[in-house]
Amino acid sequence: MLYVIHAAAFGADWALQALGLSQHEAALGLNLLLSSQSVGENRGLFRRAVGPKLPMAQKHGWISTARHSAAIIYGNTGPRIVVVLTYRSGGVTHSQAALLAEAVLRVAGT
């Protein structure tokens, strides 16, 4: 879904048709994801690894046993979509999940 929103925001006809949005509407949606406040639980799993200034269009979800983040990270080599889904039956902390996300980013070269 992040890829489709990104493509539509940059005017890809197939993505605009798939979403049923105008380019302006898709760009607005992407900008909302880019401007999410990175505080508390909403800082997601990637922010600590990429730092405070790198733009990310991101969406997170969490409950006591699962923490998930999906993001388009706009880095020097262009946008990359990264998704990390964590689960532990006894619970998973934000710090534990963020460590996994950092490892994923290293492997992905992001």
PDB file of N, CA and C in Angstrom:
ATOM      1  N   MET A   1       0.810  -1.185   0.000  1.00  0.00           N
ATOM      2  CA  MET A   1       0.000   0.000   0.000  1.00  0.00           C
ATOM      3  C   MET A   1       0.858   1.255   0.000  1.00  0.00           C
ATOM      4  N   LEU A   2       1.953   1.243   0.763  1.00  0.00           N
ATOM      5  CA  LEU A   2       2.843   2.401   0.765  1.00  0.00           C
ATOM      6  C   LEU A   2       3.384   2.684  -0.632  1.00  0.00           C
ATOM      7  N   TYR A   3       3.736   1.631  -1.354  1.00  0.00           N
ATOM      8  CA  TYR A   3       4.252   1.809  -2.710  1.00  0.00           C
ATOM      9  C   TYR A   3       3.208   2.457  -3.613  1.00  0.00           C
ATOM     10  N   VAL A   4       1.971   2.025  -3.511  1.00  0.00           N
ATOM     11  CA  VAL A   4       0.899   2.570  -4.351  1.00  0.00           C
ATOM     12  C   VAL A   4       0.653   4.043  -4.011  1.00  0.00           C
ATOM     13  N   ILE A   5       0.625   4.379  -2.731  1.00  0.00           N
ATOM     14  CA  ILE A   5       0.435   5.781  -2.329  1.00  0.00           C
ATOM     15  C   ILE A   5       1.586   6.642  -2.846  1.00  0.00           C
ATOM     16  N   HIS A   6       2.817   6.151  -2.693  1.00  0.00           N
ATOM     17  CA  HIS A   6       3.993   6.888  -3.187  1.00  0.00           C
ATOM     18  C   HIS A   6       3.898   7.092  -4.705  1.00  0.00           C
ATOM     19  N   ALA A   7       3.606   6.017  -5.422  1.00  0.00           N
ATOM     20  CA  ALA A   7       3.523   6.102  -6.885  1.00  0.00           C
ATOM     21  C   ALA A   7       2.423   7.063  -7.319  1.00  0.00           C
ATOM     22  N   ALA A   8       1.283   7.017  -6.658  1.00  0.00           N
ATOM     23  CA  ALA A   8       0.172   7.914  -7.006  1.00  0.00           C
ATOM     24  C   ALA A   8       0.532   9.367  -6.713  1.00  0.00           C
ATOM     25  N   ALA A   9       1.212   9.598  -5.603  1.00  0.00           N
ATOM     26  CA  ALA A   9       1.614  10.963  -5.254  1.00  0.00           C
ATOM     27  C   ALA A   9       2.560  11.551  -6.287  1.00  0.00           C
ATOM     28  N   PHE A  10       3.300  10.684  -6.983  1.00  0.00           N
ATOM     29  CA  PHE A  10       4.211  11.139  -8.025  1.00  0.00           C
ATOM     30  C   PHE A  10       3.613  10.990  -9.424  1.00  0.00           C
ATOM     31  N   GLY A  11       2.302  10.718  -9.488  1.00  0.00           N
ATOM     32  CA  GLY A  11       1.577  10.787 -10.749  1.00  0.00           C
ATOM     33  C   GLY A  11       1.462   9.522 -11.571  1.00  0.00           C
ATOM     34  N   ALA A  12       1.766   8.364 -11.032  1.00  0.00           N
ATOM     35  CA  ALA A  12       1.640   7.110 -11.781  1.00  0.00           C
ATOM     36  C   ALA A  12       0.165   6.814 -12.034  1.00  0.00           C
ATOM     37  N   ASP A  13      -0.217   6.768 -13.303  1.00  0.00           N
ATOM     38  CA  ASP A  13      -1.624   6.571 -13.658  1.00  0.00           C
ATOM     39  C   ASP A  13      -2.211   5.299 -13.060  1.00  0.00           C
ATOM     40  N   TRP A  14      -1.470   4.183 -13.141  1.00  0.00           N
ATOM     41  CA  TRP A  14      -1.987   2.915 -12.618  1.00  0.00           C
ATOM     42  C   TRP A  14      -2.296   3.019 -11.131  1.00  0.00           C
ATOM     43  N   ALA A  15      -1.448   3.739 -10.390  1.00  0.00           N
ATOM     44  CA  ALA A  15      -1.646   3.878  -8.945  1.00  0.00           C
ATOM     45  C   ALA A  15      -2.820   4.795  -8.643  1.00  0.00           C
ATOM     46  N   LEU A  16      -2.949   5.874  -9.401  1.00  0.00           N
ATOM     47  CA  LEU A  16      -4.088   6.781  -9.217  1.00  0.00           C
ATOM     48  C   LEU A  16      -5.397   6.053  -9.472  1.00  0.00           C
ATOM     49  N   GLN A  17      -5.422   5.236 -10.525  1.00  0.00           N
ATOM     50  CA  GLN A  17      -6.638   4.457 -10.824  1.00  0.00           C
ATOM     51  C   GLN A  17      -6.918   3.436  -9.727  1.00  0.00           C
ATOM     52  N   ALA A  18      -5.884   2.774  -9.246  1.00  0.00           N
ATOM     53  CA  ALA A  18      -6.066   1.761  -8.195  1.00  0.00           C
ATOM     54  C   ALA A  18      -6.634   2.373  -6.920  1.00  0.00           C
ATOM     55  N   LEU A  19      -6.183   3.576  -6.589  1.00  0.00           N
ATOM     56  CA  LEU A  19      -6.643   4.237  -5.370  1.00  0.00           C
ATOM     57  C   LEU A  19      -7.934   5.017  -5.561  1.00  0.00           C
ATOM     58  N   GLY A  20      -8.213   5.388  -6.796  1.00  0.00           N
ATOM     59  CA  GLY A  20      -9.387   6.226  -7.040  1.00  0.00           C
ATOM     60  C   GLY A  20      -9.213   7.634  -6.503  1.00  0.00           C
ATOM     61  N   LEU A  21      -7.966   8.111  -6.518  1.00  0.00           N
ATOM     62  CA  LEU A  21      -7.648   9.436  -6.000  1.00  0.00           C
ATOM     63  C   LEU A  21      -7.049  10.302  -7.098  1.00  0.00           C
ATOM     64  N   SER A  22      -7.080  11.603  -6.867  1.00  0.00           N
ATOM     65  CA  SER A  22      -6.329  12.514  -7.727  1.00  0.00           C
ATOM     66  C   SER A  22      -4.882  12.515  -7.236  1.00  0.00           C
ATOM     67  N   GLN A  23      -3.974  13.037  -8.050  1.00  0.00           N
ATOM     68  CA  GLN A  23      -2.586  13.131  -7.620  1.00  0.00           C
ATOM     69  C   GLN A  23      -2.475  14.021  -6.380  1.00  0.00           C
ATOM     70  N   HIS A  24      -3.241  15.080  -6.354  1.00  0.00           N
ATOM     71  CA  HIS A  24      -3.234  15.978  -5.186  1.00  0.00           C
ATOM     72  C   HIS A  24      -3.663  15.234  -3.922  1.00  0.00           C
ATOM     73  N   GLU A  25      -4.708  14.430  -4.014  1.00  0.00           N
ATOM     74  CA  GLU A  25      -5.187  13.675  -2.850  1.00  0.00           C
ATOM     75  C   GLU A  25      -4.153  12.647  -2.389  1.00  0.00           C
ATOM     76  N   ALA A  26      -3.513  11.975  -3.357  1.00  0.00           N
ATOM     77  CA  ALA A  26      -2.480  10.996  -3.005  1.00  0.00           C
ATOM     78  C   ALA A  26      -1.287  11.682  -2.350  1.00  0.00           C
ATOM     79  N   ALA A  27      -0.901  12.847  -2.872  1.00  0.00           N
ATOM     80  CA  ALA A  27       0.212  13.596  -2.279  1.00  0.00           C
ATOM     81  C   ALA A  27      -0.135  14.046  -0.861  1.00  0.00           C
ATOM     82  N   LEU A  28      -1.371  14.433  -0.655  1.00  0.00           N
ATOM     83  CA  LEU A  28      -1.818  14.823   0.686  1.00  0.00           C
ATOM     84  C   LEU A  28      -1.706  13.632   1.642  1.00  0.00           C
ATOM     85  N   GLY A  29      -2.146  12.459   1.202  1.00  0.00           N
ATOM     86  CA  GLY A  29      -2.037  11.259   2.033  1.00  0.00           C
ATOM     87  C   GLY A  29      -0.597  10.920   2.364  1.00  0.00           C
ATOM     88  N   LEU A  30       0.285  11.000   1.366  1.00  0.00           N
ATOM     89  CA  LEU A  30       1.702  10.738   1.605  1.00  0.00           C
ATOM     90  C   LEU A  30       2.277  11.756   2.577  1.00  0.00           C
ATOM     91  N   ASN A  31       1.921  13.009   2.407  1.00  0.00           N
ATOM     92  CA  ASN A  31       2.421  14.054   3.314  1.00  0.00           C
ATOM     93  C   ASN A  31       1.932  13.854   4.744  1.00  0.00           C
ATOM     94  N   LEU A  32       0.717  13.344   4.903  1.00  0.00           N
ATOM     95  CA  LEU A  32       0.230  13.043   6.255  1.00  0.00           C
ATOM     96  C   LEU A  32       1.087  11.959   6.908  1.00  0.00           C
ATOM     97  N   LEU A  33       1.438  10.931   6.136  1.00  0.00           N
ATOM     98  CA  LEU A  33       2.301   9.878   6.676  1.00  0.00           C
ATOM     99  C   LEU A  33       3.707  10.406   6.963  1.00  0.00           C
ATOM    100  N   LEU A  34       4.190  11.324   6.129  1.00  0.00           N
ATOM    101  CA  LEU A  34       5.516  11.918   6.339  1.00  0.00           C
ATOM    102  C   LEU A  34       5.551  12.832   7.562  1.00  0.00           C
ATOM    103  N   SER A  35       4.414  13.412   7.910  1.00  0.00           N
ATOM    104  CA  SER A  35       4.398  14.396   8.990  1.00  0.00           C
ATOM    105  C   SER A  35       3.918  13.836  10.324  1.00  0.00           C
ATOM    106  N   SER A  36       3.797  12.521  10.433  1.00  0.00           N
ATOM    107  CA  SER A  36       3.348  11.953  11.705  1.00  0.00           C
ATOM    108  C   SER A  36       4.336  12.316  12.809  1.00  0.00           C
ATOM    109  N   GLN A  37       3.819  12.570  13.979  1.00  0.00           N
ATOM    110  CA  GLN A  37       4.676  12.953  15.104  1.00  0.00           C
ATOM    111  C   GLN A  37       5.390  11.728  15.653  1.00  0.00           C
ATOM    112  N   SER A  38       6.685  11.804  15.673  1.00  0.00           N
ATOM    113  CA  SER A  38       7.514  10.685  16.103  1.00  0.00           C
ATOM    114  C   SER A  38       7.817  10.793  17.594  1.00  0.00           C
ATOM    115  N   VAL A  39       6.783  10.595  18.401  1.00  0.00           N
ATOM    116  CA  VAL A  39       6.923  10.681  19.858  1.00  0.00           C
ATOM    117  C   VAL A  39       6.262   9.470  20.499  1.00  0.00           C
ATOM    118  N   GLY A  40       6.753   9.116  21.666  1.00  0.00           N
ATOM    119  CA  GLY A  40       6.167   8.008  22.414  1.00  0.00           C
ATOM    120  C   GLY A  40       6.103   6.740  21.583  1.00  0.00           C
ATOM    121  N   GLU A  41       5.023   6.020  21.715  1.00  0.00           N
ATOM    122  CA  GLU A  41       4.844   4.772  20.965  1.00  0.00           C
ATOM    123  C   GLU A  41       4.789   5.014  19.455  1.00  0.00           C
ATOM    124  N   ASN A  42       4.433   6.211  19.054  1.00  0.00           N
ATOM    125  CA  ASN A  42       4.316   6.505  17.624  1.00  0.00           C
ATOM    126  C   ASN A  42       5.664   6.810  16.964  1.00  0.00           C
ATOM    127  N   ARG A  43       6.750   6.666  17.692  1.00  0.00           N
ATOM    128  CA  ARG A  43       8.050   6.880  17.044  1.00  0.00           C
ATOM    129  C   ARG A  43       8.401   5.711  16.131  1.00  0.00           C
ATOM    130  N   GLY A  44       7.683   4.618  16.279  1.00  0.00           N
ATOM    131  CA  GLY A  44       7.901   3.482  15.395  1.00  0.00           C
ATOM    132  C   GLY A  44       9.208   2.764  15.686  1.00  0.00           C
ATOM    133  N   LEU A  45       9.515   1.802  14.840  1.00  0.00           N
ATOM    134  CA  LEU A  45      10.667   0.938  15.080  1.00  0.00           C
ATOM    135  C   LEU A  45      11.929   1.383  14.355  1.00  0.00           C
ATOM    136  N   PHE A  46      11.817   2.307  13.398  1.00  0.00           N
ATOM    137  CA  PHE A  46      12.973   2.680  12.587  1.00  0.00           C
ATOM    138  C   PHE A  46      13.624   4.004  12.993  1.00  0.00           C
ATOM    139  N   ARG A  47      12.903   4.872  13.672  1.00  0.00           N
ATOM    140  CA  ARG A  47      13.383   6.237  13.909  1.00  0.00           C
ATOM    141  C   ARG A  47      14.722   6.259  14.639  1.00  0.00           C
ATOM    142  N   ARG A  48      14.892   5.437  15.649  1.00  0.00           N
ATOM    143  CA  ARG A  48      16.151   5.432  16.407  1.00  0.00           C
ATOM    144  C   ARG A  48      17.334   5.114  15.493  1.00  0.00           C
ATOM    145  N   ALA A  49      17.143   4.207  14.553  1.00  0.00           N
ATOM    146  CA  ALA A  49      18.232   3.796  13.665  1.00  0.00           C
ATOM    147  C   ALA A  49      18.534   4.822  12.579  1.00  0.00           C
ATOM    148  N   VAL A  50      17.516   5.494  12.061  1.00  0.00           N
ATOM    149  CA  VAL A  50      17.757   6.414  10.935  1.00  0.00           C
ATOM    150  C   VAL A  50      17.976   7.850  11.378  1.00  0.00           C
ATOM    151  N   GLY A  51      17.690   8.146  12.630  1.00  0.00           N
ATOM    152  CA  GLY A  51      17.883   9.500  13.129  1.00  0.00           C
ATOM    153  C   GLY A  51      16.655  10.368  12.936  1.00  0.00           C
ATOM    154  N   PRO A  52      16.679  11.565  13.519  1.00  0.00           N
ATOM    155  CA  PRO A  52      15.485  12.409  13.545  1.00  0.00           C
ATOM    156  C   PRO A  52      15.191  13.172  12.258  1.00  0.00           C
ATOM    157  N   LYS A  53      16.157  13.290  11.358  1.00  0.00           N
ATOM    158  CA  LYS A  53      15.970  14.185  10.213  1.00  0.00           C
ATOM    159  C   LYS A  53      15.599  13.489   8.916  1.00  0.00           C
ATOM    160  N   LEU A  54      15.861  12.207   8.788  1.00  0.00           N
ATOM    161  CA  LEU A  54      15.575  11.501   7.541  1.00  0.00           C
ATOM    162  C   LEU A  54      14.067  11.361   7.359  1.00  0.00           C
ATOM    163  N   PRO A  55      13.518  11.805   6.223  1.00  0.00           N
ATOM    164  CA  PRO A  55      12.070  11.709   6.017  1.00  0.00           C
ATOM    165  C   PRO A  55      11.599  10.251   5.926  1.00  0.00           C
ATOM    166  N   MET A  56      10.504   9.969   6.617  1.00  0.00           N
ATOM    167  CA  MET A  56       9.881   8.650   6.563  1.00  0.00           C
ATOM    168  C   MET A  56       8.373   8.811   6.528  1.00  0.00           C
ATOM    169  N   ALA A  57       7.744   8.170   5.558  1.00  0.00           N
ATOM    170  CA  ALA A  57       6.286   8.041   5.546  1.00  0.00           C
ATOM    171  C   ALA A  57       6.018   6.729   6.262  1.00  0.00           C
ATOM    172  N   GLN A  58       5.394   6.795   7.419  1.00  0.00           N
ATOM    173  CA  GLN A  58       5.340   5.604   8.253  1.00  0.00           C
ATOM    174  C   GLN A  58       3.983   5.372   8.897  1.00  0.00           C
ATOM    175  N   LYS A  59       3.731   4.095   9.193  1.00  0.00           N
ATOM    176  CA  LYS A  59       2.509   3.674   9.878  1.00  0.00           C
ATOM    177  C   LYS A  59       2.895   2.583  10.846  1.00  0.00           C
ATOM    178  N   HIS A  60       2.374   2.673  12.072  1.00  0.00           N
ATOM    179  CA  HIS A  60       2.728   1.731  13.119  1.00  0.00           C
ATOM    180  C   HIS A  60       1.474   1.136  13.751  1.00  0.00           C
ATOM    181  N   GLY A  61       1.668   0.000  14.369  1.00  0.00           N
ATOM    182  CA  GLY A  61       0.610  -0.616  15.151  1.00  0.00           C
ATOM    183  C   GLY A  61       1.239  -1.409  16.277  1.00  0.00           C
ATOM    184  N   TRP A  62       0.598  -1.439  17.426  1.00  0.00           N
ATOM    185  CA  TRP A  62       1.155  -2.176  18.548  1.00  0.00           C
ATOM    186  C   TRP A  62       0.065  -2.578  19.526  1.00  0.00           C
ATOM    187  N   ILE A  63       0.287  -3.721  20.118  1.00  0.00           N
ATOM    188  CA  ILE A  63      -0.428  -4.221  21.289  1.00  0.00           C
ATOM    189  C   ILE A  63       0.653  -4.833  22.171  1.00  0.00           C
ATOM    190  N   SER A  64       0.308  -5.355  23.308  1.00  0.00           N
ATOM    191  CA  SER A  64       1.356  -5.836  24.219  1.00  0.00           C
ATOM    192  C   SER A  64       2.198  -6.965  23.617  1.00  0.00           C
ATOM    193  N   THR A  65       1.630  -7.784  22.764  1.00  0.00           N
ATOM    194  CA  THR A  65       2.364  -8.933  22.218  1.00  0.00           C
ATOM    195  C   THR A  65       2.939  -8.697  20.824  1.00  0.00           C
ATOM    196  N   ALA A  66       2.629  -7.578  20.203  1.00  0.00           N
ATOM    197  CA  ALA A  66       3.095  -7.336  18.832  1.00  0.00           C
ATOM    198  C   ALA A  66       3.378  -5.852  18.609  1.00  0.00           C
ATOM    199  N   ARG A  67       4.403  -5.588  17.834  1.00  0.00           N
ATOM    200  CA  ARG A  67       4.742  -4.211  17.419  1.00  0.00           C
ATOM    201  C   ARG A  67       5.140  -4.274  15.958  1.00  0.00           C
ATOM    202  N   HIS A  68       4.532  -3.407  15.177  1.00  0.00           N
ATOM    203  CA  HIS A  68       4.769  -3.415  13.734  1.00  0.00           C
ATOM    204  C   HIS A  68       5.043  -1.996  13.251  1.00  0.00           C
ATOM    205  N   SER A  69       5.924  -1.879  12.262  1.00  0.00           N
ATOM    206  CA  SER A  69       6.163  -0.605  11.576  1.00  0.00           C
ATOM    207  C   SER A  69       6.351  -0.878  10.094  1.00  0.00           C
ATOM    208  N   ALA A  70       5.758  -0.014   9.291  1.00  0.00           N
ATOM    209  CA  ALA A  70       5.955  -0.025   7.849  1.00  0.00           C
ATOM    210  C   ALA A  70       6.298   1.403   7.454  1.00  0.00           C
ATOM    211  N   ALA A  71       7.331   1.563   6.628  1.00  0.00           N
ATOM    212  CA  ALA A  71       7.765   2.916   6.294  1.00  0.00           C
ATOM    213  C   ALA A  71       8.386   2.973   4.908  1.00  0.00           C
ATOM    214  N   ILE A  72       8.222   4.122   4.278  1.00  0.00           N
ATOM    215  CA  ILE A  72       9.037   4.476   3.122  1.00  0.00           C
ATOM    216  C   ILE A  72      10.114   5.390   3.687  1.00  0.00           C
ATOM    217  N   ILE A  73      11.354   4.968   3.602  1.00  0.00           N
ATOM    218  CA  ILE A  73      12.464   5.765   4.100  1.00  0.00           C
ATOM    219  C   ILE A  73      13.103   6.450   2.901  1.00  0.00           C
ATOM    220  N   TYR A  74      13.086   7.776   2.922  1.00  0.00           N
ATOM    221  CA  TYR A  74      13.627   8.568   1.818  1.00  0.00           C
ATOM    222  C   TYR A  74      15.078   8.920   2.131  1.00  0.00           C
ATOM    223  N   GLY A  75      15.983   8.032   1.710  1.00  0.00           N
ATOM    224  CA  GLY A  75      17.406   8.215   1.980  1.00  0.00           C
ATOM    225  C   GLY A  75      18.166   8.684   0.750  1.00  0.00           C
ATOM    226  N   ASN A  76      19.490   8.692   0.864  1.00  0.00           N
ATOM    227  CA  ASN A  76      20.356   9.170  -0.214  1.00  0.00           C
ATOM    228  C   ASN A  76      20.267   8.334  -1.479  1.00  0.00           C
ATOM    229  N   THR A  77      19.923   7.059  -1.347  1.00  0.00           N
ATOM    230  CA  THR A  77      19.847   6.176  -2.515  1.00  0.00           C
ATOM    231  C   THR A  77      18.426   6.060  -3.061  1.00  0.00           C
ATOM    232  N   GLY A  78      17.539   6.926  -2.583  1.00  0.00           N
ATOM    233  CA  GLY A  78      16.150   6.895  -3.031  1.00  0.00           C
ATOM    234  C   GLY A  78      15.251   6.261  -1.995  1.00  0.00           C
ATOM    235  N   PRO A  79      13.957   6.210  -2.277  1.00  0.00           N
ATOM    236  CA  PRO A  79      13.023   5.644  -1.301  1.00  0.00           C
ATOM    237  C   PRO A  79      13.145   4.127  -1.207  1.00  0.00           C
ATOM    238  N   ARG A  80      13.027   3.639   0.020  1.00  0.00           N
ATOM    239  CA  ARG A  80      12.990   2.196   0.276  1.00  0.00           C
ATOM    240  C   ARG A  80      11.833   1.903   1.212  1.00  0.00           C
ATOM    241  N   ILE A  81      11.106   0.866   0.914  1.00  0.00           N
ATOM    242  CA  ILE A  81      10.018   0.439   1.795  1.00  0.00           C
ATOM    243  C   ILE A  81      10.549  -0.669   2.691  1.00  0.00           C
ATOM    244  N   VAL A  82      10.354  -0.482   3.994  1.00  0.00           N
ATOM    245  CA  VAL A  82      10.813  -1.454   4.976  1.00  0.00           C
ATOM    246  C   VAL A  82       9.651  -1.743   5.919  1.00  0.00           C
ATOM    247  N   VAL A  83       9.455  -3.029   6.207  1.00  0.00           N
ATOM    248  CA  VAL A  83       8.387  -3.456   7.112  1.00  0.00           C
ATOM    249  C   VAL A  83       8.985  -4.417   8.137  1.00  0.00           C
ATOM    250  N   VAL A  84       8.682  -4.187   9.400  1.00  0.00           N
ATOM    251  CA  VAL A  84       9.091  -5.104  10.461  1.00  0.00           C
ATOM    252  C   VAL A  84       7.849  -5.432  11.287  1.00  0.00           C
ATOM    253  N   LEU A  85       7.601  -6.728  11.431  1.00  0.00           N
ATOM    254  CA  LEU A  85       6.479  -7.229  12.229  1.00  0.00           C
ATOM    255  C   LEU A  85       7.072  -8.081  13.348  1.00  0.00           C
ATOM    256  N   THR A  86       6.735  -7.773  14.580  1.00  0.00           N
ATOM    257  CA  THR A  86       7.256  -8.545  15.703  1.00  0.00           C
ATOM    258  C   THR A  86       6.104  -9.125  16.510  1.00  0.00           C
ATOM    259  N   TYR A  87       6.396 -10.255  17.135  1.00  0.00           N
ATOM    260  CA  TYR A  87       5.410 -10.892  18.012  1.00  0.00           C
ATOM    261  C   TYR A  87       6.156 -11.717  19.047  1.00  0.00           C
ATOM    262  N   ARG A  88       5.691 -11.667  20.285  1.00  0.00           N
ATOM    263  CA  ARG A  88       6.175 -12.544  21.349  1.00  0.00           C
ATOM    264  C   ARG A  88       4.989 -12.772  22.276  1.00  0.00           C
ATOM    265  N   SER A  89       4.671 -14.038  22.532  1.00  0.00           N
ATOM    266  CA  SER A  89       3.478 -14.345  23.317  1.00  0.00           C
ATOM    267  C   SER A  89       3.506 -13.714  24.708  1.00  0.00           C
ATOM    268  N   GLY A  90       4.686 -13.564  25.288  1.00  0.00           N
ATOM    269  CA  GLY A  90       4.801 -12.947  26.608  1.00  0.00           C
ATOM    270  C   GLY A  90       4.901 -11.431  26.556  1.00  0.00           C
ATOM    271  N   GLY A  91       4.873 -10.872  25.369  1.00  0.00           N
ATOM    272  CA  GLY A  91       4.968  -9.428  25.201  1.00  0.00           C
ATOM    273  C   GLY A  91       6.295  -9.031  24.570  1.00  0.00           C
ATOM    274  N   VAL A  92       6.279  -7.946  23.850  1.00  0.00           N
ATOM    275  CA  VAL A  92       7.491  -7.417  23.227  1.00  0.00           C
ATOM    276  C   VAL A  92       7.546  -5.919  23.495  1.00  0.00           C
ATOM    277  N   THR A  93       8.683  -5.464  23.983  1.00  0.00           N
ATOM    278  CA  THR A  93       8.828  -4.042  24.277  1.00  0.00           C
ATOM    279  C   THR A  93       9.212  -3.279  23.014  1.00  0.00           C
ATOM    280  N   HIS A  94       9.030  -1.987  23.071  1.00  0.00           N
ATOM    281  CA  HIS A  94       9.434  -1.145  21.949  1.00  0.00           C
ATOM    282  C   HIS A  94      10.935  -1.289  21.693  1.00  0.00           C
ATOM    283  N   SER A  95      11.729  -1.298  22.746  1.00  0.00           N
ATOM    284  CA  SER A  95      13.186  -1.418  22.591  1.00  0.00           C
ATOM    285  C   SER A  95      13.594  -2.733  21.946  1.00  0.00           C
ATOM    286  N   GLN A  96      12.948  -3.813  22.334  1.00  0.00           N
ATOM    287  CA  GLN A  96      13.257  -5.117  21.727  1.00  0.00           C
ATOM    288  C   GLN A  96      12.926  -5.107  20.238  1.00  0.00           C
ATOM    289  N   ALA A  97      11.769  -4.594  19.893  1.00  0.00           N
ATOM    290  CA  ALA A  97      11.356  -4.553  18.485  1.00  0.00           C
ATOM    291  C   ALA A  97      12.242  -3.608  17.683  1.00  0.00           C
ATOM    292  N   ALA A  98      12.654  -2.491  18.283  1.00  0.00           N
ATOM    293  CA  ALA A  98      13.519  -1.532  17.591  1.00  0.00           C
ATOM    294  C   ALA A  98      14.890  -2.134  17.304  1.00  0.00           C
ATOM    295  N   LEU A  99      15.391  -3.000  18.180  1.00  0.00           N
ATOM    296  CA  LEU A  99      16.660  -3.678  17.914  1.00  0.00           C
ATOM    297  C   LEU A  99      16.566  -4.568  16.683  1.00  0.00           C
ATOM    298  N   LEU A 100      15.460  -5.277  16.542  1.00  0.00           N
ATOM    299  CA  LEU A 100      15.247  -6.082  15.346  1.00  0.00           C
ATOM    300  C   LEU A 100      15.167  -5.187  14.117  1.00  0.00           C
ATOM    301  N   ALA A 101      14.452  -4.075  14.214  1.00  0.00           N
ATOM    302  CA  ALA A 101      14.327  -3.141  13.085  1.00  0.00           C
ATOM    303  C   ALA A 101      15.688  -2.602  12.672  1.00  0.00           C
ATOM    304  N   GLU A 102      16.550  -2.297  13.630  1.00  0.00           N
ATOM    305  CA  GLU A 102      17.899  -1.823  13.320  1.00  0.00           C
ATOM    306  C   GLU A 102      18.680  -2.880  12.548  1.00  0.00           C
ATOM    307  N   ALA A 103      18.551  -4.143  12.949  1.00  0.00           N
ATOM    308  CA  ALA A 103      19.233  -5.226  12.241  1.00  0.00           C
ATOM    309  C   ALA A 103      18.699  -5.364  10.813  1.00  0.00           C
ATOM    310  N   VAL A 104      17.397  -5.241  10.651  1.00  0.00           N
ATOM    311  CA  VAL A 104      16.788  -5.317   9.315  1.00  0.00           C
ATOM    312  C   VAL A 104      17.324  -4.189   8.431  1.00  0.00           C
ATOM    313  N   LEU A 105      17.404  -2.984   8.972  1.00  0.00           N
ATOM    314  CA  LEU A 105      17.920  -1.845   8.198  1.00  0.00           C
ATOM    315  C   LEU A 105      19.375  -2.062   7.798  1.00  0.00           C
ATOM    316  N   ARG A 106      20.181  -2.647   8.666  1.00  0.00           N
ATOM    317  CA  ARG A 106      21.578  -2.923   8.321  1.00  0.00           C
ATOM    318  C   ARG A 106      21.655  -3.916   7.168  1.00  0.00           C
ATOM    319  N   VAL A 107      20.867  -4.981   7.237  1.00  0.00           N
ATOM    320  CA  VAL A 107      20.862  -5.986   6.183  1.00  0.00           C
ATOM    321  C   VAL A 107      20.357  -5.400   4.862  1.00  0.00           C
ATOM    322  N   ALA A 108      19.348  -4.526   4.953  1.00  0.00           N
ATOM    323  CA  ALA A 108      18.771  -3.920   3.754  1.00  0.00           C
ATOM    324  C   ALA A 108      19.650  -2.800   3.195  1.00  0.00           C
ATOM    325  N   GLY A 109      20.657  -2.394   3.938  1.00  0.00           N
ATOM    326  CA  GLY A 109      21.525  -1.318   3.473  1.00  0.00           C
ATOM    327  C   GLY A 109      20.849   0.037   3.481  1.00  0.00           C
ATOM    328  N   THR A 110      19.897   0.209   4.384  1.00  0.00           N
ATOM    329  CA  THR A 110      19.152   1.463   4.470  1.00  0.00           C
ATOM    330  C   THR A 110      19.707   2.319   5.584  1.00  0.00           C
TER     331      THR A 110
END
